[in-house]
Amino acid sequence: MFEGKTVAVVVPCYNEETRIDKVLTTMPDSVDCVIVVDDASTDGTVSIVQRYVAAQGAEGRVVLIEHGTNSGVGAAIITGYREAVRRQIDVTAVMAGDAQMDPDELPLLVGPVARGEVDYAKGNRLFYRGAWESIPRVRYLGNAFLSMLTKIASGYWHVADSQTGYTAISRLALETIQLDGVYPRYGYPNDMLVRLNVFNFRVADVPIRPVYHADGGSKMRLWKVIPTMSCLILRRFFWRMKEKYVIHDFHPLVLFYAAGGLLGLAGVALFVRLVALWAMRGSIPPLNALLWVFCMVSSLQFVLFAMWFDMETNRGLTVHLPAGRQGKPPQTT
């Protein structure tokens, strides 16, 4: 237990036979239950975990759940979350099966949730001093870009490193959000932040140390990941606008976003027309040019006002932990 609260750690795995042993052997004693979810690995990951389960017996803390087909890291985490809710665990953390998350930092994430200070604590590798030197360049740049888009889509404007999987969440949050609809693959953490914001859950960034193995190069392919993730984040942005500011409650910022979007589309159409007229006639009608400028400037103003309204509405949902609390793990029980 941790400060009187039960703690579970979900460990999603896919072909991690070389590292899952380290994850399980270094798991802190304060963790009551380790839920390993194997996402249809084709190597020896399952047999290694089964040995731990057999060695600990029926009362052991390691639990193995196997997916019949590969469903994605998000789906594996959701399976673990459901098991934690079934067991009525107070705080559920996530640590990947590749041993790239420092177990000594787990109290920094679990602590704020266990004390009721936040509903969701997530690691932030970008706050770490020397992150630029520690994180592979492709991952760093891709993460920074997706974090910027996620700020707009999720409403957590002061949260960064949206792609981190090192997190801790309260049982109340897990029981409130719709787990069935969470994105099952790489965009899971972005989708999770959007869903938490719809229900006004408090989120905190916790600085953590980036851990990367020397023999494990980045699997991120910017040309593939960025377009896919950008489309997902855009869809989740519209979903949040509908759920939070239309269905759950009404806020005029949706009208500002709508006006900005319509004027922006009109500005693009006018720009195409201006280019066509210039190509055909060699000149641009002054009135059309003025109308284009009006549309673009007005669109920008409407969108910026909508963003400002959104920032003010969600300001209290981002919790800034004291520096001392971030840097020193609380005492565990």
Protein backbone atom coordinates (compact mmCIF):
# COMPACT_ATOMS: atom_id res chain seq x y z
CA MET A 1 0.00 0.00 0.00
CA PHE A 2 0.99 3.63 -0.42
CA GLU A 3 -0.10 6.02 2.34
CA GLY A 4 -3.09 3.81 3.09
CA LYS A 5 -4.18 3.44 -0.57
CA THR A 6 -3.98 0.28 -2.65
CA VAL A 7 -1.79 0.57 -5.73
CA ALA A 8 -1.70 -1.44 -8.95
CA VAL A 9 0.70 -1.14 -11.87
CA VAL A 10 -0.43 -2.07 -15.38
CA VAL A 11 2.43 -3.37 -17.52
CA PRO A 12 1.52 -3.59 -21.24
CA CYS A 13 3.86 -5.94 -23.10
CA TYR A 14 4.59 -6.89 -26.67
CA ASN A 15 7.73 -8.94 -27.37
CA GLU A 16 9.62 -7.83 -24.26
CA GLU A 17 11.32 -11.10 -23.28
CA THR A 18 14.67 -9.36 -22.79
CA ARG A 19 13.36 -6.67 -20.42
CA ILE A 20 10.17 -7.81 -18.68
CA ASP A 21 12.25 -9.63 -16.07
CA LYS A 22 13.88 -6.36 -15.01
CA VAL A 23 10.49 -4.63 -14.79
CA LEU A 24 9.09 -7.27 -12.46
CA THR A 25 12.18 -7.64 -10.25
CA THR A 26 12.52 -3.88 -9.67
CA MET A 27 8.83 -3.23 -8.95
CA PRO A 28 8.55 -1.26 -5.66
CA ASP A 29 7.25 -3.08 -2.58
CA SER A 30 4.46 -0.51 -2.17
CA VAL A 31 2.71 -1.95 -5.26
CA ASP A 32 -0.09 -4.34 -4.25
CA CYS A 33 -0.82 -5.76 -7.69
CA VAL A 34 1.16 -5.95 -10.93
CA ILE A 35 -1.17 -6.51 -13.90
CA VAL A 36 0.87 -7.68 -16.88
CA VAL A 37 -1.13 -7.52 -20.11
CA ASP A 38 0.53 -9.37 -22.98
CA ASP A 39 -0.64 -8.05 -26.34
CA ALA A 40 -0.18 -11.31 -28.29
CA SER A 41 3.63 -11.43 -28.09
CA THR A 42 5.40 -13.83 -30.44
CA ASP A 43 8.50 -14.29 -28.28
CA GLY A 44 9.00 -15.70 -24.78
CA THR A 45 7.41 -12.81 -22.84
CA VAL A 46 4.44 -14.86 -21.64
CA SER A 47 6.54 -17.78 -20.39
CA ILE A 48 8.75 -15.45 -18.35
CA VAL A 49 5.74 -13.82 -16.67
CA GLN A 50 4.13 -17.22 -16.10
CA ARG A 51 7.19 -18.28 -14.14
CA TYR A 52 6.69 -15.30 -11.82
CA VAL A 53 3.02 -16.11 -11.39
CA ALA A 54 3.77 -19.76 -10.62
CA ALA A 55 6.56 -18.88 -8.17
CA GLN A 56 4.35 -16.50 -6.19
CA GLY A 57 1.33 -18.81 -6.05
CA ALA A 58 -2.36 -17.92 -5.94
CA GLU A 59 -1.80 -15.07 -3.48
CA GLY A 60 1.02 -13.48 -5.47
CA ARG A 61 0.81 -9.91 -6.67
CA VAL A 62 1.69 -10.59 -10.33
CA VAL A 63 -1.34 -11.16 -12.58
CA LEU A 64 -1.07 -12.12 -16.25
CA ILE A 65 -3.75 -11.31 -18.82
CA GLU A 66 -3.23 -12.38 -22.43
CA HIS A 67 -4.73 -10.85 -25.57
CA GLY A 68 -5.63 -13.33 -28.29
CA THR A 69 -4.69 -10.84 -31.01
CA ASN A 70 -2.45 -7.81 -31.10
CA SER A 71 -4.74 -4.88 -30.29
CA GLY A 72 -2.32 -2.05 -29.51
CA VAL A 73 -0.72 -0.59 -26.41
CA GLY A 74 -3.82 1.48 -25.59
CA ALA A 75 -6.03 -1.60 -25.65
CA ALA A 76 -3.58 -3.44 -23.38
CA ILE A 77 -3.63 -0.60 -20.86
CA ILE A 78 -7.43 -0.46 -20.90
CA THR A 79 -7.56 -4.20 -20.20
CA GLY A 80 -5.32 -3.60 -17.20
CA TYR A 81 -7.44 -0.66 -16.06
CA ARG A 82 -10.58 -2.80 -16.13
CA GLU A 83 -8.88 -5.42 -13.98
CA ALA A 84 -7.76 -2.74 -11.50
CA VAL A 85 -11.32 -1.38 -11.28
CA ARG A 86 -12.64 -4.91 -10.74
CA ARG A 87 -10.19 -5.30 -7.86
CA GLN A 88 -11.22 -1.85 -6.51
CA ILE A 89 -7.66 -0.53 -6.58
CA ASP A 90 -7.38 3.08 -5.37
CA VAL A 91 -4.48 4.20 -7.62
CA THR A 92 -3.47 2.53 -10.87
CA ALA A 93 -0.16 3.36 -12.53
CA VAL A 94 1.23 2.33 -15.92
CA MET A 95 4.79 1.18 -16.55
CA ALA A 96 5.84 -0.14 -19.95
CA GLY A 97 7.28 -3.62 -20.30
CA ASP A 98 10.49 -2.34 -21.90
CA ALA A 99 12.06 -1.14 -18.62
CA GLN A 100 12.26 2.47 -19.83
CA MET A 101 10.49 3.82 -16.75
CA ASP A 102 12.46 4.31 -13.55
CA PRO A 103 10.69 2.42 -10.70
CA ASP A 104 12.25 4.78 -8.15
CA GLU A 105 10.10 7.57 -9.61
CA LEU A 106 6.82 5.69 -9.17
CA PRO A 107 6.08 7.36 -5.77
CA LEU A 108 6.31 10.77 -7.46
CA LEU A 109 3.37 9.81 -9.68
CA VAL A 110 1.34 7.76 -7.23
CA GLY A 111 1.72 10.21 -4.34
CA PRO A 112 -0.37 13.15 -5.64
CA VAL A 113 -3.17 10.79 -6.70
CA ALA A 114 -3.14 8.86 -3.43
CA ARG A 115 -3.35 12.11 -1.45
CA GLY A 116 -6.26 13.37 -3.56
CA GLU A 117 -4.31 16.34 -4.91
CA VAL A 118 -4.89 15.28 -8.53
CA ASP A 119 -6.88 12.66 -10.42
CA TYR A 120 -4.21 11.90 -13.01
CA ALA A 121 -0.46 12.33 -12.74
CA LYS A 122 1.75 11.91 -15.79
CA GLY A 123 5.47 11.96 -16.29
CA ASN A 124 7.09 14.77 -18.22
CA ARG A 125 10.47 13.93 -19.74
CA LEU A 126 10.73 17.32 -21.43
CA PHE A 127 11.09 19.05 -18.04
CA TYR A 128 14.19 17.00 -17.27
CA ARG A 129 17.43 18.94 -17.44
CA GLY A 130 19.38 17.65 -20.39
CA ALA A 131 16.32 16.17 -22.10
CA TRP A 132 17.56 17.34 -25.50
CA GLU A 133 20.72 15.27 -25.06
CA SER A 134 18.98 12.27 -23.46
CA ILE A 135 15.99 11.79 -25.78
CA PRO A 136 16.51 10.65 -29.40
CA ARG A 137 16.06 13.64 -31.68
CA VAL A 138 13.19 12.14 -33.69
CA ARG A 139 11.27 11.28 -30.53
CA TYR A 140 11.91 14.70 -29.01
CA LEU A 141 10.73 16.65 -32.07
CA GLY A 142 7.75 14.40 -32.70
CA ASN A 143 6.77 14.54 -29.04
CA ALA A 144 7.04 18.34 -28.92
CA PHE A 145 4.84 18.75 -32.00
CA LEU A 146 2.17 16.31 -30.80
CA SER A 147 2.24 17.89 -27.33
CA MET A 148 1.48 21.28 -28.86
CA LEU A 149 -1.53 19.88 -30.74
CA THR A 150 -2.70 17.98 -27.65
CA LYS A 151 -2.72 21.16 -25.57
CA ILE A 152 -5.33 22.60 -27.95
CA ALA A 153 -7.33 19.39 -28.28
CA SER A 154 -7.37 18.42 -24.59
CA GLY A 155 -7.75 21.77 -22.85
CA TYR A 156 -4.77 21.06 -20.58
CA TRP A 157 -2.79 24.01 -21.88
CA HIS A 158 -0.04 23.77 -19.28
CA VAL A 159 0.67 20.04 -19.66
CA ALA A 160 3.49 18.83 -21.92
CA ASP A 161 5.01 15.52 -23.05
CA SER A 162 1.63 14.16 -24.07
CA GLN A 163 3.13 10.90 -25.35
CA THR A 164 4.53 9.64 -22.06
CA GLY A 165 3.10 6.37 -20.81
CA TYR A 166 4.31 6.70 -17.22
CA THR A 167 1.09 7.70 -15.45
CA ALA A 168 -1.07 7.19 -12.36
CA ILE A 169 -4.85 7.56 -12.20
CA SER A 170 -7.51 7.44 -9.49
CA ARG A 171 -10.27 4.84 -9.31
CA LEU A 172 -12.89 7.60 -9.55
CA ALA A 173 -11.47 8.76 -12.89
CA LEU A 174 -11.37 5.21 -14.25
CA GLU A 175 -14.96 4.60 -13.18
CA THR A 176 -16.13 7.88 -14.73
CA ILE A 177 -14.59 8.03 -18.19
CA GLN A 178 -15.74 5.71 -20.98
CA LEU A 179 -12.96 3.15 -21.26
CA ASP A 180 -14.61 1.31 -24.15
CA GLY A 181 -14.06 4.16 -26.59
CA VAL A 182 -10.42 4.98 -25.74
CA TYR A 183 -8.11 4.88 -28.73
CA PRO A 184 -6.37 1.47 -28.69
CA ARG A 185 -2.98 2.29 -30.20
CA TYR A 186 -0.24 4.93 -30.13
CA GLY A 187 -2.63 7.85 -29.60
CA TYR A 188 -3.98 6.44 -26.34
CA PRO A 189 -2.38 9.06 -23.99
CA ASN A 190 -3.68 11.95 -26.13
CA ASP A 191 -7.20 10.53 -26.13
CA MET A 192 -7.00 9.93 -22.38
CA LEU A 193 -6.24 13.58 -21.67
CA VAL A 194 -9.20 14.69 -23.79
CA ARG A 195 -11.57 12.37 -21.94
CA LEU A 196 -10.29 13.48 -18.54
CA ASN A 197 -10.85 17.12 -19.46
CA VAL A 198 -14.47 16.54 -20.46
CA PHE A 199 -15.17 15.48 -16.86
CA ASN A 200 -13.00 18.22 -15.33
CA PHE A 201 -10.45 15.91 -13.72
CA ARG A 202 -7.28 17.48 -12.33
CA VAL A 203 -3.99 16.61 -14.04
CA ALA A 204 -0.40 17.19 -12.94
CA ASP A 205 2.90 16.99 -14.80
CA VAL A 206 5.67 15.26 -12.86
CA PRO A 207 9.25 15.71 -14.12
CA ILE A 208 10.86 12.31 -14.74
CA ARG A 209 14.19 11.15 -16.09
CA PRO A 210 14.16 9.92 -19.70
CA VAL A 211 15.39 6.31 -19.97
CA TYR A 212 16.39 4.89 -23.34
CA HIS A 213 18.30 1.71 -24.08
CA ALA A 214 21.48 1.99 -26.10
CA ASP A 215 20.42 -0.89 -28.35
CA GLY A 216 16.88 0.33 -28.94
CA GLY A 217 16.65 3.00 -31.61
CA SER A 218 13.54 5.06 -32.08
CA LYS A 219 10.67 3.22 -33.75
CA MET A 220 8.87 6.47 -34.46
CA ARG A 221 8.45 7.29 -38.13
CA LEU A 222 7.50 10.96 -38.35
CA TRP A 223 6.19 10.66 -41.89
CA LYS A 224 3.70 8.03 -40.69
CA VAL A 225 2.99 8.95 -37.07
CA ILE A 226 2.51 12.71 -37.38
CA PRO A 227 -0.30 12.66 -40.01
CA THR A 228 -2.13 9.80 -38.27
CA MET A 229 -1.85 11.38 -34.84
CA SER A 230 -2.76 14.85 -36.12
CA CYS A 231 -6.02 13.48 -37.57
CA LEU A 232 -6.79 11.68 -34.31
CA ILE A 233 -6.11 14.78 -32.22
CA LEU A 234 -8.29 16.90 -34.53
CA ARG A 235 -11.19 14.46 -34.18
CA ARG A 236 -10.80 14.41 -30.42
CA PHE A 237 -10.78 18.24 -30.36
CA PHE A 238 -14.19 18.37 -32.07
CA TRP A 239 -15.46 15.61 -29.78
CA ARG A 240 -14.40 17.59 -26.68
CA MET A 241 -16.05 20.75 -27.97
CA LYS A 242 -19.31 18.86 -28.44
CA GLU A 243 -19.23 16.93 -25.17
CA LYS A 244 -17.92 19.59 -22.81
CA TYR A 245 -19.23 22.86 -24.22
CA VAL A 246 -22.47 21.77 -25.86
CA ILE A 247 -23.80 18.62 -24.16
CA HIS A 248 -22.43 18.85 -20.59
CA ASP A 249 -22.62 22.63 -20.46
CA PHE A 250 -22.67 25.55 -22.87
CA HIS A 251 -19.84 27.98 -23.44
CA PRO A 252 -19.73 30.63 -26.21
CA LEU A 253 -16.18 29.63 -27.13
CA VAL A 254 -17.66 27.00 -29.46
CA LEU A 255 -19.26 29.84 -31.40
CA PHE A 256 -15.92 31.64 -31.60
CA TYR A 257 -14.22 28.48 -32.87
CA ALA A 258 -17.03 27.95 -35.40
CA ALA A 259 -16.88 31.54 -36.64
CA GLY A 260 -13.09 31.37 -36.90
CA GLY A 261 -13.27 28.13 -38.85
CA LEU A 262 -15.89 29.38 -41.29
CA LEU A 263 -14.06 32.64 -41.90
CA GLY A 264 -10.83 30.71 -42.36
CA LEU A 265 -12.44 28.49 -45.02
CA ALA A 266 -13.87 31.57 -46.72
CA GLY A 267 -10.41 33.12 -46.67
CA VAL A 268 -8.89 30.06 -48.34
CA ALA A 269 -11.59 30.09 -51.03
CA LEU A 270 -11.01 33.80 -51.65
CA PHE A 271 -7.25 33.26 -51.86
CA VAL A 272 -7.72 30.57 -54.52
CA ARG A 273 -9.99 32.95 -56.43
CA LEU A 274 -7.45 35.76 -56.19
CA VAL A 275 -4.70 33.54 -57.54
CA ALA A 276 -6.93 32.44 -60.41
CA LEU A 277 -7.86 36.05 -61.29
CA TRP A 278 -4.23 37.10 -61.18
CA ALA A 279 -3.29 34.22 -63.49
CA MET A 280 -6.05 35.04 -65.96
CA ARG A 281 -6.07 38.85 -65.87
CA GLY A 282 -2.68 39.77 -64.49
CA SER A 283 -4.28 41.87 -61.74
CA ILE A 284 -6.14 41.43 -58.46
CA PRO A 285 -9.41 43.31 -57.74
CA PRO A 286 -8.78 45.53 -54.69
CA LEU A 287 -12.20 44.75 -53.13
CA ASN A 288 -11.59 41.01 -53.32
CA ALA A 289 -8.14 41.40 -51.79
CA LEU A 290 -9.58 43.50 -48.96
CA LEU A 291 -12.28 40.90 -48.31
CA TRP A 292 -9.64 38.16 -48.15
CA VAL A 293 -7.61 40.10 -45.60
CA PHE A 294 -10.74 40.74 -43.54
CA CYS A 295 -11.64 37.04 -43.48
CA MET A 296 -8.15 35.90 -42.48
CA VAL A 297 -7.65 38.52 -39.77
CA SER A 298 -11.14 37.95 -38.34
CA SER A 299 -10.62 34.19 -38.41
CA LEU A 300 -7.38 34.50 -36.47
CA GLN A 301 -8.99 36.79 -33.90
CA PHE A 302 -11.95 34.48 -33.33
CA VAL A 303 -9.72 31.44 -32.91
CA LEU A 304 -7.36 33.22 -30.51
CA PHE A 305 -10.28 34.43 -28.39
CA ALA A 306 -11.68 30.88 -28.31
CA MET A 307 -8.31 29.54 -27.17
CA TRP A 308 -8.11 32.18 -24.47
CA PHE A 309 -11.62 31.29 -23.22
CA ASP A 310 -10.63 27.61 -23.16
CA MET A 311 -7.45 28.35 -21.21
CA GLU A 312 -9.35 30.35 -18.61
CA THR A 313 -12.07 27.71 -18.27
CA ASN A 314 -9.55 24.93 -17.67
CA ARG A 315 -6.94 26.85 -15.70
CA GLY A 316 -7.78 25.15 -12.40
CA LEU A 317 -7.54 21.64 -13.87
CA THR A 318 -3.77 21.71 -14.21
CA VAL A 319 -2.17 21.26 -10.79
CA HIS A 320 1.35 22.56 -10.26
CA LEU A 321 2.99 20.48 -7.55
CA PRO A 322 5.48 22.11 -5.14
CA ALA A 323 9.09 21.68 -6.23
CA GLY A 324 9.94 19.79 -3.07
CA ARG A 325 7.08 17.38 -3.58
CA GLN A 326 8.24 16.67 -7.12
CA GLY A 327 11.84 16.06 -6.19
CA LYS A 328 11.46 13.82 -3.14
CA PRO A 329 9.36 10.63 -3.14
CA PRO A 330 6.94 10.55 -0.20
CA GLN A 331 7.37 7.82 2.40
CA THR A 332 5.62 4.58 1.47
CA THR A 333 3.92 2.07 3.75
